Amino acid sequence: MKKLVIAAAAIAAAATAAQAGTPEMATMEPTVVVEAAEAASSSSGWLIPLILIALLVAAL
């Protein structure tokens, strides 16, 4: 029984050391923050409603 416990402890210790990994420090990749691009022109916010109003007036 004592030999079985010693053998199991030796296998467990060997398996733990084998899966420990490398001693190198992990390098983190720099995060890239991309801001949302604005519209091509700032006048597009009022241009489309202006065209719709002009079409509505022309239809009357």
N, C-alpha and C. Protein backbone atom coordinates (compact mmCIF):
# COMPACT_ATOMS: atom_id res chain seq x y z
N MET A 1 0.83 -1.20 0.00
CA MET A 1 0.00 0.00 0.00
C MET A 1 0.87 1.25 0.00
N LYS A 2 1.96 1.21 0.76
CA LYS A 2 2.84 2.36 0.85
C LYS A 2 3.50 2.65 -0.50
N LYS A 3 3.86 1.57 -1.22
CA LYS A 3 4.48 1.74 -2.54
C LYS A 3 3.48 2.36 -3.53
N LEU A 4 2.23 2.00 -3.42
CA LEU A 4 1.19 2.54 -4.30
C LEU A 4 0.99 4.03 -4.06
N VAL A 5 0.99 4.46 -2.82
CA VAL A 5 0.84 5.88 -2.49
C VAL A 5 2.05 6.66 -2.99
N ILE A 6 3.24 6.12 -2.81
CA ILE A 6 4.45 6.80 -3.27
C ILE A 6 4.46 6.90 -4.80
N ALA A 7 4.06 5.82 -5.47
CA ALA A 7 4.01 5.83 -6.94
C ALA A 7 2.98 6.84 -7.44
N ALA A 8 1.82 6.91 -6.79
CA ALA A 8 0.79 7.87 -7.19
C ALA A 8 1.25 9.29 -6.97
N ALA A 9 1.95 9.54 -5.85
CA ALA A 9 2.45 10.88 -5.58
C ALA A 9 3.53 11.28 -6.58
N ALA A 10 4.38 10.33 -6.97
CA ALA A 10 5.43 10.62 -7.94
C ALA A 10 4.84 10.92 -9.31
N ILE A 11 3.81 10.18 -9.71
CA ILE A 11 3.15 10.43 -11.01
C ILE A 11 2.44 11.79 -10.99
N ALA A 12 1.79 12.10 -9.88
CA ALA A 12 1.09 13.39 -9.77
C ALA A 12 2.08 14.54 -9.83
N ALA A 13 3.22 14.41 -9.16
CA ALA A 13 4.21 15.47 -9.17
C ALA A 13 4.82 15.64 -10.55
N ALA A 14 5.06 14.53 -11.25
CA ALA A 14 5.63 14.60 -12.60
C ALA A 14 4.64 15.22 -13.58
N ALA A 15 3.37 14.88 -13.44
CA ALA A 15 2.36 15.43 -14.34
C ALA A 15 2.18 16.92 -14.10
N THR A 16 2.26 17.37 -12.85
CA THR A 16 2.12 18.78 -12.54
C THR A 16 3.27 19.58 -13.12
N ALA A 17 4.48 19.06 -13.02
CA ALA A 17 5.64 19.76 -13.53
C ALA A 17 5.63 19.79 -15.06
N ALA A 18 5.11 18.73 -15.68
CA ALA A 18 5.07 18.67 -17.14
C ALA A 18 4.08 19.68 -17.71
N GLN A 19 3.04 19.99 -16.98
CA GLN A 19 2.02 20.90 -17.48
C GLN A 19 2.18 22.32 -16.93
N ALA A 20 3.30 22.59 -16.31
CA ALA A 20 3.48 23.89 -15.68
C ALA A 20 3.63 25.01 -16.71
N GLY A 21 4.15 24.72 -17.89
CA GLY A 21 4.31 25.74 -18.91
C GLY A 21 5.72 26.28 -18.93
N THR A 22 5.94 27.32 -19.69
CA THR A 22 7.27 27.89 -19.83
C THR A 22 7.47 29.00 -18.81
N PRO A 23 8.72 29.27 -18.44
CA PRO A 23 8.97 30.33 -17.46
C PRO A 23 8.98 31.73 -18.07
N GLU A 24 8.68 31.85 -19.35
CA GLU A 24 8.70 33.16 -20.01
C GLU A 24 7.48 33.97 -19.59
N MET A 25 7.66 35.27 -19.55
CA MET A 25 6.54 36.15 -19.23
C MET A 25 5.62 36.26 -20.45
N ALA A 26 4.36 36.29 -20.21
CA ALA A 26 3.39 36.44 -21.29
C ALA A 26 3.40 37.88 -21.78
N THR A 27 3.44 38.06 -23.07
CA THR A 27 3.41 39.42 -23.64
C THR A 27 1.99 39.74 -24.08
N MET A 28 1.54 40.90 -23.69
CA MET A 28 0.19 41.33 -24.05
C MET A 28 0.26 42.16 -25.32
N GLU A 29 -0.64 41.89 -26.23
CA GLU A 29 -0.72 42.67 -27.46
C GLU A 29 -1.35 44.04 -27.13
N PRO A 30 -0.84 45.10 -27.75
CA PRO A 30 -1.44 46.41 -27.49
C PRO A 30 -2.86 46.48 -28.08
N THR A 31 -3.75 47.10 -27.35
CA THR A 31 -5.11 47.23 -27.84
C THR A 31 -5.20 48.42 -28.79
N VAL A 32 -5.93 48.22 -29.87
CA VAL A 32 -6.09 49.26 -30.88
C VAL A 32 -7.50 49.81 -30.76
N VAL A 33 -7.60 51.11 -30.54
CA VAL A 33 -8.90 51.76 -30.42
C VAL A 33 -9.16 52.52 -31.71
N VAL A 34 -10.24 52.16 -32.37
CA VAL A 34 -10.60 52.80 -33.63
C VAL A 34 -11.85 53.62 -33.38
N GLU A 35 -11.76 54.91 -33.63
CA GLU A 35 -12.93 55.76 -33.45
C GLU A 35 -13.80 55.70 -34.71
N ALA A 36 -15.07 55.88 -34.51
CA ALA A 36 -15.99 55.83 -35.63
C ALA A 36 -15.76 57.03 -36.54
N ALA A 37 -15.72 56.76 -37.83
CA ALA A 37 -15.51 57.84 -38.80
C ALA A 37 -16.80 58.64 -38.95
N GLU A 38 -16.65 59.92 -39.09
CA GLU A 38 -17.83 60.77 -39.27
C GLU A 38 -18.27 60.73 -40.73
N ALA A 39 -19.42 61.27 -41.00
CA ALA A 39 -19.97 61.28 -42.36
C ALA A 39 -19.07 62.13 -43.27
N ALA A 40 -19.22 61.89 -44.55
CA ALA A 40 -18.38 62.58 -45.53
C ALA A 40 -18.56 64.10 -45.45
N SER A 41 -19.80 64.53 -45.24
CA SER A 41 -20.02 65.97 -45.08
C SER A 41 -20.98 66.19 -43.92
N SER A 42 -20.79 67.28 -43.24
CA SER A 42 -21.65 67.57 -42.10
C SER A 42 -23.00 68.11 -42.54
N SER A 43 -23.14 68.47 -43.80
CA SER A 43 -24.41 69.02 -44.27
C SER A 43 -25.40 67.93 -44.65
N SER A 44 -25.00 66.66 -44.62
CA SER A 44 -25.92 65.60 -45.02
C SER A 44 -27.05 65.43 -44.01
N GLY A 45 -26.90 65.95 -42.80
CA GLY A 45 -27.94 65.86 -41.80
C GLY A 45 -29.16 66.69 -42.14
N TRP A 46 -29.00 67.78 -42.84
CA TRP A 46 -30.14 68.62 -43.18
C TRP A 46 -30.44 68.61 -44.68
N LEU A 47 -29.57 68.02 -45.49
CA LEU A 47 -29.76 68.02 -46.94
C LEU A 47 -30.92 67.12 -47.35
N ILE A 48 -31.02 65.93 -46.80
CA ILE A 48 -32.08 65.01 -47.19
C ILE A 48 -33.47 65.53 -46.78
N PRO A 49 -33.67 66.03 -45.57
CA PRO A 49 -35.00 66.60 -45.26
C PRO A 49 -35.33 67.81 -46.14
N LEU A 50 -34.32 68.61 -46.50
CA LEU A 50 -34.56 69.76 -47.37
C LEU A 50 -35.05 69.30 -48.75
N ILE A 51 -34.46 68.25 -49.27
CA ILE A 51 -34.89 67.72 -50.58
C ILE A 51 -36.31 67.16 -50.48
N LEU A 52 -36.60 66.47 -49.38
CA LEU A 52 -37.96 65.93 -49.21
C LEU A 52 -39.00 67.03 -49.11
N ILE A 53 -38.69 68.12 -48.41
CA ILE A 53 -39.62 69.24 -48.31
C ILE A 53 -39.81 69.89 -49.67
N ALA A 54 -38.72 70.03 -50.43
CA ALA A 54 -38.82 70.63 -51.77
C ALA A 54 -39.69 69.75 -52.68
N LEU A 55 -39.55 68.44 -52.57
CA LEU A 55 -40.39 67.55 -53.39
C LEU A 55 -41.86 67.62 -52.95
N LEU A 56 -42.08 67.77 -51.66
CA LEU A 56 -43.45 67.88 -51.16
C LEU A 56 -44.10 69.19 -51.63
N VAL A 57 -43.34 70.29 -51.60
CA VAL A 57 -43.86 71.59 -52.06
C VAL A 57 -44.11 71.55 -53.55
N ALA A 58 -43.23 70.88 -54.31
CA ALA A 58 -43.40 70.81 -55.76
C ALA A 58 -44.60 69.95 -56.13
N ALA A 59 -44.94 68.98 -55.31
CA ALA A 59 -46.09 68.13 -55.61
C ALA A 59 -47.41 68.85 -55.37
N LEU A 60 -47.40 69.87 -54.52
CA LEU A 60 -48.64 70.60 -54.26
C LEU A 60 -48.82 71.61 -55.33
